C-alpha atoms as a PDB file:
ATOM      1  CA  MET A   1       7.981  29.219  -6.391  1.00  0.00           C
ATOM      2  CA  LYS A   2       5.699  29.030  -9.392  1.00  0.00           C
ATOM      3  CA  ALA A   3       4.728  25.692 -10.868  1.00  0.00           C
ATOM      4  CA  ALA A   4       5.656  24.983 -14.484  1.00  0.00           C
ATOM      5  CA  PHE A   5       1.933  24.754 -15.171  1.00  0.00           C
ATOM      6  CA  GLY A   6      -1.228  24.852 -13.131  1.00  0.00           C
ATOM      7  CA  THR A   7      -2.180  26.175  -9.717  1.00  0.00           C
ATOM      8  CA  LEU A   8      -0.904  24.533  -6.546  1.00  0.00           C
ATOM      9  CA  ARG A   9      -3.256  24.203  -3.559  1.00  0.00           C
ATOM     10  CA  ILE A  10      -1.480  22.991  -0.428  1.00  0.00           C
ATOM     11  CA  CYS A  11      -3.406  20.760   1.984  1.00  0.00           C
ATOM     12  CA  GLU A  12      -2.265  19.953   5.499  1.00  0.00           C
ATOM     13  CA  ASP A  13      -2.720  16.198   5.170  1.00  0.00           C
ATOM     14  CA  ALA A  14      -4.725  13.561   3.326  1.00  0.00           C
ATOM     15  CA  ALA A  15      -7.893  14.368   5.281  1.00  0.00           C
ATOM     16  CA  ASP A  16      -7.604  18.069   4.454  1.00  0.00           C
ATOM     17  CA  LEU A  17      -6.997  17.175   0.803  1.00  0.00           C
ATOM     18  CA  ALA A  18     -10.210  15.127   0.767  1.00  0.00           C
ATOM     19  CA  HIS A  19     -12.141  17.973   2.388  1.00  0.00           C
ATOM     20  CA  LYS A  20     -10.796  20.666   0.063  1.00  0.00           C
ATOM     21  CA  GLY A  21     -11.347  18.459  -2.981  1.00  0.00           C
ATOM     22  CA  ALA A  22     -14.937  17.604  -2.039  1.00  0.00           C
ATOM     23  CA  THR A  23     -15.721  21.241  -1.292  1.00  0.00           C
ATOM     24  CA  PHE A  24     -14.268  22.333  -4.636  1.00  0.00           C
ATOM     25  CA  LEU A  25     -16.253  19.678  -6.498  1.00  0.00           C
ATOM     26  CA  CYS A  26     -19.553  20.559  -4.826  1.00  0.00           C
ATOM     27  CA  GLU A  27     -19.121  24.305  -5.183  1.00  0.00           C
ATOM     28  CA  HIS A  28     -18.142  24.059  -8.835  1.00  0.00           C
ATOM     29  CA  ALA A  29     -21.050  21.767  -9.727  1.00  0.00           C
ATOM     30  CA  ALA A  30     -23.556  23.844  -7.747  1.00  0.00           C
ATOM     31  CA  SER A  31     -22.419  27.090  -9.371  1.00  0.00           C
ATOM     32  CA  ARG A  32     -22.987  25.890 -12.919  1.00  0.00           C
ATOM     33  CA  PRO A  33     -26.331  26.705 -14.548  1.00  0.00           C
ATOM     34  CA  GLY A  34     -26.637  23.377 -16.332  1.00  0.00           C
ATOM     35  CA  ARG A  35     -25.038  19.969 -16.622  1.00  0.00           C
ATOM     36  CA  THR A  36     -21.653  19.143 -15.115  1.00  0.00           C
ATOM     37  CA  ILE A  37     -19.610  16.203 -16.382  1.00  0.00           C
ATOM     38  CA  VAL A  38     -17.101  14.851 -13.876  1.00  0.00           C
ATOM     39  CA  ALA A  39     -14.429  12.267 -14.661  1.00  0.00           C
ATOM     40  CA  LEU A  40     -13.495  10.208 -11.628  1.00  0.00           C
ATOM     41  CA  SER A  41     -10.028   8.985 -10.756  1.00  0.00           C
ATOM     42  CA  GLY A  42      -9.287   5.563  -9.329  1.00  0.00           C
ATOM     43  CA  GLY A  43      -6.736   4.534  -6.728  1.00  0.00           C
ATOM     44  CA  ASN A  44      -6.502   5.122  -3.002  1.00  0.00           C
ATOM     45  CA  THR A  45      -6.038   8.901  -2.876  1.00  0.00           C
ATOM     46  CA  PRO A  46      -9.533   9.993  -4.038  1.00  0.00           C
ATOM     47  CA  LYS A  47     -11.467   7.466  -1.943  1.00  0.00           C
ATOM     48  CA  PRO A  48     -11.713   9.682   1.197  1.00  0.00           C
ATOM     49  CA  LEU A  49     -12.931  12.542  -1.025  1.00  0.00           C
ATOM     50  CA  TYR A  50     -15.607  10.295  -2.517  1.00  0.00           C
ATOM     51  CA  GLU A  51     -16.712   9.157   0.916  1.00  0.00           C
ATOM     52  CA  LEU A  52     -17.227  12.799   1.922  1.00  0.00           C
ATOM     53  CA  LEU A  53     -19.601  13.221  -1.027  1.00  0.00           C
ATOM     54  CA  ALA A  54     -21.933  10.729   0.637  1.00  0.00           C
ATOM     55  CA  GLU A  55     -21.921  12.708   3.901  1.00  0.00           C
ATOM     56  CA  GLU A  56     -23.268  16.093   4.912  1.00  0.00           C
ATOM     57  CA  PRO A  57     -22.821  18.849   3.943  1.00  0.00           C
ATOM     58  CA  ALA A  58     -21.682  17.590   0.522  1.00  0.00           C
ATOM     59  CA  LYS A  59     -24.570  15.180   0.090  1.00  0.00           C
ATOM     60  CA  SER A  60     -27.090  18.024   0.200  1.00  0.00           C
ATOM     61  CA  ALA A  61     -24.885  20.522  -1.618  1.00  0.00           C
ATOM     62  CA  MET A  62     -24.261  18.433  -4.728  1.00  0.00           C
ATOM     63  CA  PRO A  63     -26.889  18.866  -7.501  1.00  0.00           C
ATOM     64  CA  TRP A  64     -26.981  15.133  -8.169  1.00  0.00           C
ATOM     65  CA  ASP A  65     -29.549  15.270 -10.954  1.00  0.00           C
ATOM     66  CA  GLN A  66     -27.339  17.676 -12.944  1.00  0.00           C
ATOM     67  CA  VAL A  67     -24.021  15.828 -12.665  1.00  0.00           C
ATOM     68  CA  GLN A  68     -22.861  13.113 -15.055  1.00  0.00           C
ATOM     69  CA  TRP A  69     -20.191  10.789 -13.656  1.00  0.00           C
ATOM     70  CA  ILE A  70     -17.717   9.053 -15.953  1.00  0.00           C
ATOM     71  CA  LEU A  71     -14.422   7.250 -15.380  1.00  0.00           C
ATOM     72  CA  GLY A  72     -11.052   8.608 -16.412  1.00  0.00           C
ATOM     73  CA  ASP A  73      -9.776   5.057 -16.678  1.00  0.00           C
ATOM     74  CA  GLU A  74     -10.795   1.570 -15.689  1.00  0.00           C
ATOM     75  CA  ARG A  75      -9.258  -1.812 -15.166  1.00  0.00           C
ATOM     76  CA  PHE A  76     -10.778  -4.444 -17.436  1.00  0.00           C
ATOM     77  CA  VAL A  77     -12.332  -6.418 -14.570  1.00  0.00           C
ATOM     78  CA  PRO A  78     -15.914  -6.949 -13.340  1.00  0.00           C
ATOM     79  CA  PRO A  79     -17.374  -4.204 -11.094  1.00  0.00           C
ATOM     80  CA  SER A  80     -17.298  -6.691  -8.214  1.00  0.00           C
ATOM     81  CA  ASP A  81     -13.517  -7.032  -8.495  1.00  0.00           C
ATOM     82  CA  PRO A  82     -11.587  -5.120  -5.789  1.00  0.00           C
ATOM     83  CA  ALA A  83      -9.479  -3.564  -8.572  1.00  0.00           C
ATOM     84  CA  SER A  84     -12.499  -1.945 -10.276  1.00  0.00           C
ATOM     85  CA  ASN A  85     -12.491   1.857 -10.160  1.00  0.00           C
ATOM     86  CA  TYR A  86     -16.238   1.861 -10.709  1.00  0.00           C
ATOM     87  CA  GLY A  87     -16.723  -0.633  -7.895  1.00  0.00           C
ATOM     88  CA  MET A  88     -14.677   1.575  -5.584  1.00  0.00           C
ATOM     89  CA  ALA A  89     -16.671   4.675  -6.516  1.00  0.00           C
ATOM     90  CA  ARG A  90     -19.952   2.847  -5.982  1.00  0.00           C
ATOM     91  CA  ALA A  91     -18.927   1.637  -2.548  1.00  0.00           C
ATOM     92  CA  ALA A  92     -17.488   5.023  -1.566  1.00  0.00           C
ATOM     93  CA  PHE A  93     -20.422   7.223  -2.590  1.00  0.00           C
ATOM     94  CA  LEU A  94     -22.494   6.388  -5.657  1.00  0.00           C
ATOM     95  CA  ASP A  95     -24.612   3.761  -3.888  1.00  0.00           C
ATOM     96  CA  ASP A  96     -25.391   6.178  -1.031  1.00  0.00           C
ATOM     97  CA  VAL A  97     -26.420   9.354  -2.839  1.00  0.00           C
ATOM     98  CA  PRO A  98     -29.532  10.323  -4.854  1.00  0.00           C
ATOM     99  CA  VAL A  99     -27.836  10.181  -8.247  1.00  0.00           C
ATOM    100  CA  PRO A 100     -30.040   9.079 -11.185  1.00  0.00           C
ATOM    101  CA  VAL A 101     -28.819   5.766 -12.555  1.00  0.00           C
ATOM    102  CA  GLU A 102     -28.653   7.226 -16.071  1.00  0.00           C
ATOM    103  CA  ASN A 103     -26.129   9.816 -14.828  1.00  0.00           C
ATOM    104  CA  VAL A 104     -23.510   7.178 -14.010  1.00  0.00           C
ATOM    105  CA  HIS A 105     -21.439   5.732 -16.841  1.00  0.00           C
ATOM    106  CA  PRO A 106     -19.365   2.649 -15.994  1.00  0.00           C
ATOM    107  CA  VAL A 107     -17.138   0.941 -18.519  1.00  0.00           C
ATOM    108  CA  LYS A 108     -18.678  -2.205 -19.920  1.00  0.00           C
ATOM    109  CA  THR A 109     -16.332  -5.078 -19.110  1.00  0.00           C
ATOM    110  CA  ASP A 110     -18.634  -8.087 -19.461  1.00  0.00           C
ATOM    111  CA  GLY A 111     -19.130  -9.853 -22.796  1.00  0.00           C
ATOM    112  CA  VAL A 112     -16.862  -7.510 -24.764  1.00  0.00           C
ATOM    113  CA  THR A 113     -13.220  -7.394 -25.772  1.00  0.00           C
ATOM    114  CA  LEU A 114     -10.881  -4.708 -24.481  1.00  0.00           C
ATOM    115  CA  GLU A 115     -11.040  -2.916 -27.828  1.00  0.00           C
ATOM    116  CA  GLU A 116     -14.834  -3.114 -27.895  1.00  0.00           C
ATOM    117  CA  ALA A 117     -14.997  -1.675 -24.382  1.00  0.00           C
ATOM    118  CA  ALA A 118     -12.888   1.299 -25.451  1.00  0.00           C
ATOM    119  CA  GLN A 119     -15.011   1.869 -28.562  1.00  0.00           C
ATOM    120  CA  ASP A 120     -18.220   1.601 -26.539  1.00  0.00           C
ATOM    121  CA  TYR A 121     -17.031   4.126 -23.969  1.00  0.00           C
ATOM    122  CA  GLU A 122     -15.900   6.566 -26.632  1.00  0.00           C
ATOM    123  CA  ALA A 123     -19.310   6.302 -28.305  1.00  0.00           C
ATOM    124  CA  MET A 124     -20.943   7.094 -24.944  1.00  0.00           C
ATOM    125  CA  LEU A 125     -18.734  10.171 -24.538  1.00  0.00           C
ATOM    126  CA  LYS A 126     -19.542  11.394 -28.028  1.00  0.00           C
ATOM    127  CA  GLY A 127     -23.215  10.995 -27.231  1.00  0.00           C
ATOM    128  CA  LEU A 128     -22.840  13.117 -24.096  1.00  0.00           C
ATOM    129  CA  TYR A 129     -20.811  15.681 -25.994  1.00  0.00           C
ATOM    130  CA  GLY A 130     -23.196  15.808 -28.943  1.00  0.00           C
ATOM    131  CA  SER A 131     -20.481  15.626 -31.565  1.00  0.00           C
ATOM    132  CA  ASP A 132     -17.783  13.314 -32.906  1.00  0.00           C
ATOM    133  CA  THR A 133     -15.283  16.165 -33.057  1.00  0.00           C
ATOM    134  CA  LEU A 134     -13.853  18.155 -30.170  1.00  0.00           C
ATOM    135  CA  GLU A 135     -14.509  21.878 -30.446  1.00  0.00           C
ATOM    136  CA  ALA A 136     -12.171  24.528 -29.058  1.00  0.00           C
ATOM    137  CA  ASP A 137     -14.972  26.504 -27.375  1.00  0.00           C
ATOM    138  CA  LYS A 138     -16.773  23.490 -25.896  1.00  0.00           C
ATOM    139  CA  PRO A 139     -15.065  21.399 -23.198  1.00  0.00           C
ATOM    140  CA  LEU A 140     -15.684  17.656 -23.263  1.00  0.00           C
ATOM    141  CA  LEU A 141     -15.495  17.387 -19.464  1.00  0.00           C
ATOM    142  CA  ASN A 142     -16.067  20.030 -16.823  1.00  0.00           C
ATOM    143  CA  ILE A 143     -13.945  18.546 -14.041  1.00  0.00           C
ATOM    144  CA  THR A 144     -11.467  15.727 -14.437  1.00  0.00           C
ATOM    145  CA  LEU A 145     -10.000  14.277 -11.252  1.00  0.00           C
ATOM    146  CA  LEU A 146      -6.599  12.659 -11.706  1.00  0.00           C
ATOM    147  CA  GLY A 147      -4.100  10.881  -9.518  1.00  0.00           C
ATOM    148  CA  LEU A 148      -0.343  10.765  -9.912  1.00  0.00           C
ATOM    149  CA  GLY A 149       1.742   7.597  -9.798  1.00  0.00           C
ATOM    150  CA  GLU A 150       5.269   7.491  -8.466  1.00  0.00           C
ATOM    151  CA  ASP A 151       6.352   6.751 -12.045  1.00  0.00           C
ATOM    152  CA  GLY A 152       4.566   9.878 -13.290  1.00  0.00           C
ATOM    153  CA  HIS A 153       1.587   8.130 -14.860  1.00  0.00           C
ATOM    154  CA  THR A 154      -1.920   9.498 -14.587  1.00  0.00           C
ATOM    155  CA  ALA A 155      -5.197   7.811 -15.497  1.00  0.00           C
ATOM    156  CA  SER A 156      -3.797   4.813 -17.403  1.00  0.00           C
ATOM    157  CA  LEU A 157      -1.420   6.902 -19.469  1.00  0.00           C
ATOM    158  CA  LEU A 158       1.515   4.680 -18.578  1.00  0.00           C
ATOM    159  CA  PRO A 159       5.182   5.459 -19.261  1.00  0.00           C
ATOM    160  CA  HIS A 160       6.551   4.072 -22.538  1.00  0.00           C
ATOM    161  CA  GLU A 161       3.205   2.577 -23.610  1.00  0.00           C
ATOM    162  CA  PRO A 162       1.728   3.207 -27.106  1.00  0.00           C
ATOM    163  CA  VAL A 163      -1.335   4.901 -25.587  1.00  0.00           C
ATOM    164  CA  LEU A 164       0.796   8.014 -25.056  1.00  0.00           C
ATOM    165  CA  GLN A 165       0.919   8.460 -28.837  1.00  0.00           C
ATOM    166  CA  VAL A 166      -2.831   8.081 -29.421  1.00  0.00           C
ATOM    167  CA  HIS A 167      -4.226  11.401 -30.624  1.00  0.00           C
ATOM    168  CA  ASP A 168      -7.092  10.280 -32.879  1.00  0.00           C
ATOM    169  CA  ARG A 169      -9.254   8.679 -30.184  1.00  0.00           C
ATOM    170  CA  TRP A 170     -10.890   9.825 -26.968  1.00  0.00           C
ATOM    171  CA  VAL A 171     -10.669   6.422 -25.291  1.00  0.00           C
ATOM    172  CA  ALA A 172      -8.026   3.778 -25.904  1.00  0.00           C
ATOM    173  CA  PRO A 173      -7.186   0.268 -24.692  1.00  0.00           C
ATOM    174  CA  VAL A 174      -4.064  -0.284 -22.595  1.00  0.00           C
ATOM    175  CA  PRO A 175      -3.312  -4.006 -22.920  1.00  0.00           C
ATOM    176  CA  LYS A 176       0.162  -3.914 -21.373  1.00  0.00           C
ATOM    177  CA  GLY A 177       2.106  -2.096 -18.693  1.00  0.00           C
ATOM    178  CA  ARG A 178       0.183  -3.326 -15.651  1.00  0.00           C
ATOM    179  CA  VAL A 179      -1.166  -6.604 -14.296  1.00  0.00           C
ATOM    180  CA  GLU A 180      -4.708  -5.826 -15.474  1.00  0.00           C
ATOM    181  CA  GLU A 181      -5.648  -4.692 -18.952  1.00  0.00           C
ATOM    182  CA  ARG A 182      -7.153  -1.201 -18.893  1.00  0.00           C
ATOM    183  CA  ILE A 183      -8.940   1.419 -20.893  1.00  0.00           C
ATOM    184  CA  THR A 184      -8.229   5.111 -20.462  1.00  0.00           C
ATOM    185  CA  LEU A 185      -9.164   8.543 -21.659  1.00  0.00           C
ATOM    186  CA  THR A 186      -6.463   9.782 -23.998  1.00  0.00           C
ATOM    187  CA  TYR A 187      -4.615  13.088 -23.982  1.00  0.00           C
ATOM    188  CA  PRO A 188      -7.057  14.737 -26.423  1.00  0.00           C
ATOM    189  CA  ALA A 189     -10.014  13.850 -24.172  1.00  0.00           C
ATOM    190  CA  ILE A 190      -8.408  14.815 -20.873  1.00  0.00           C
ATOM    191  CA  ASN A 191      -6.934  18.008 -22.277  1.00  0.00           C
ATOM    192  CA  ALA A 192     -10.414  18.976 -23.484  1.00  0.00           C
ATOM    193  CA  SER A 193     -11.424  19.291 -19.819  1.00  0.00           C
ATOM    194  CA  GLU A 194     -12.506  22.653 -18.499  1.00  0.00           C
ATOM    195  CA  ILE A 195     -10.619  21.999 -15.247  1.00  0.00           C
ATOM    196  CA  VAL A 196      -8.236  19.177 -14.321  1.00  0.00           C
ATOM    197  CA  ALA A 197      -7.686  18.568 -10.612  1.00  0.00           C
ATOM    198  CA  PHE A 198      -4.780  16.364  -9.581  1.00  0.00           C
ATOM    199  CA  LEU A 199      -5.064  14.769  -6.135  1.00  0.00           C
ATOM    200  CA  VAL A 200      -1.597  13.989  -4.781  1.00  0.00           C
ATOM    201  CA  SER A 201      -0.929  12.606  -1.319  1.00  0.00           C
ATOM    202  CA  GLY A 202       1.986  11.042   0.521  1.00  0.00           C
ATOM    203  CA  GLU A 203       5.751  11.298   0.676  1.00  0.00           C
ATOM    204  CA  GLY A 204       6.084   8.645  -2.017  1.00  0.00           C
ATOM    205  CA  LYS A 205       4.803  11.159  -4.583  1.00  0.00           C
ATOM    206  CA  ARG A 206       7.111  13.979  -3.491  1.00  0.00           C
ATOM    207  CA  GLU A 207       9.961  13.365  -5.929  1.00  0.00           C
ATOM    208  CA  VAL A 208       7.849  12.982  -9.061  1.00  0.00           C
ATOM    209  CA  LEU A 209       5.577  15.892  -8.148  1.00  0.00           C
ATOM    210  CA  ASP A 210       8.587  18.134  -7.569  1.00  0.00           C
ATOM    211  CA  LYS A 211      10.017  17.220 -10.962  1.00  0.00           C
ATOM    212  CA  ILE A 212       6.750  17.845 -12.792  1.00  0.00           C
ATOM    213  CA  LEU A 213       6.076  21.155 -11.042  1.00  0.00           C
ATOM    214  CA  SER A 214       9.671  22.163 -11.869  1.00  0.00           C
ATOM    215  CA  GLY A 215       9.094  21.575 -15.577  1.00  0.00           C
ATOM    216  CA  ASP A 216      10.370  18.042 -16.204  1.00  0.00           C
ATOM    217  CA  ASP A 217       8.323  16.914 -19.209  1.00  0.00           C
ATOM    218  CA  SER A 218       9.505  13.292 -19.281  1.00  0.00           C
ATOM    219  CA  PHE A 219       6.444  11.985 -17.400  1.00  0.00           C
ATOM    220  CA  PRO A 220       2.979  11.248 -18.828  1.00  0.00           C
ATOM    221  CA  ALA A 221       1.379  13.604 -16.292  1.00  0.00           C
ATOM    222  CA  SER A 222       3.625  16.444 -17.495  1.00  0.00           C
ATOM    223  CA  HIS A 223       1.564  16.701 -20.685  1.00  0.00           C
ATOM    224  CA  ILE A 224      -1.835  17.164 -19.071  1.00  0.00           C
ATOM    225  CA  ARG A 225      -3.437  20.529 -19.721  1.00  0.00           C
ATOM    226  CA  ALA A 226      -6.973  21.945 -19.470  1.00  0.00           C
ATOM    227  CA  ARG A 227      -9.072  24.559 -21.215  1.00  0.00           C
ATOM    228  CA  LYS A 228      -9.085  26.745 -18.075  1.00  0.00           C
ATOM    229  CA  ASP A 229      -6.788  25.488 -15.326  1.00  0.00           C
ATOM    230  CA  VAL A 230      -4.913  22.539 -13.901  1.00  0.00           C
ATOM    231  CA  LEU A 231      -5.179  22.403 -10.122  1.00  0.00           C
ATOM    232  CA  TRP A 232      -2.769  20.478  -7.929  1.00  0.00           C
ATOM    233  CA  PHE A 233      -4.308  19.507  -4.593  1.00  0.00           C
ATOM    234  CA  ALA A 234      -1.251  18.227  -2.729  1.00  0.00           C
ATOM    235  CA  ASP A 235      -0.760  17.491   0.939  1.00  0.00           C
ATOM    236  CA  ARG A 236       2.414  18.684   2.651  1.00  0.00           C
ATOM    237  CA  ALA A 237       3.965  15.226   2.536  1.00  0.00           C
ATOM    238  CA  ALA A 238       3.717  15.207  -1.266  1.00  0.00           C
ATOM    239  CA  ALA A 239       4.380  18.925  -1.805  1.00  0.00           C
ATOM    240  CA  GLY A 240       7.691  18.939   0.051  1.00  0.00           C
ATOM    241  CA  ARG A 241       9.576  22.172  -0.636  1.00  0.00           C
ATOM    242  CA  TRP A 242       6.608  23.554  -2.585  1.00  0.00           C
ATOM    243  CA  ALA A 243       4.713  23.816   0.705  1.00  0.00           C
END
């Protein structure tokens, strides 16, 4: 079977998914001659991958001074809140690796409104990119890690929310659709990635993953593309018949 889009990489289980994902991330970053910009995903699935980045051999293999770490989305909560994607990434690996502090780009959530946080993060991205306009021959992000919700959402591109129609911004607020307000990279920003890597684990994701890989375009994640390739790292529980 061939996926409707992207390349499927089957992993035996969640641990194997974490290992394969960490290896891919390190090898890709180490093979690049210059800077690598990585967008991190939140949620439970990527956490074991992040923890491997703080252990050998990944800790020594990653060119920490050359990698910029941003967030694909964030809940509008303080970093100390258990719901914070940045807080999770810090605890999982960022606090335990030799990454320069200026290479890590959290979303400002203190002393700003949700809209101001989105504008601030977009300005940061434009500064990294060196332009206010996306160029066809210059990816915005080198690797974007994404999860997949059982409802087909990815990042905070939530079903039926207005953010799905935002095409004139790189970062947008998501005030409704979940308990916490959020900000997220938009389709134009994510689809300007060189490579997008979905991390999908567990039987609960099997149905939606099967539909998306089969070509069902009714889910937010169905509209993710990349300049080079979309990779699907899926364990056998999530992959189902595709495994």
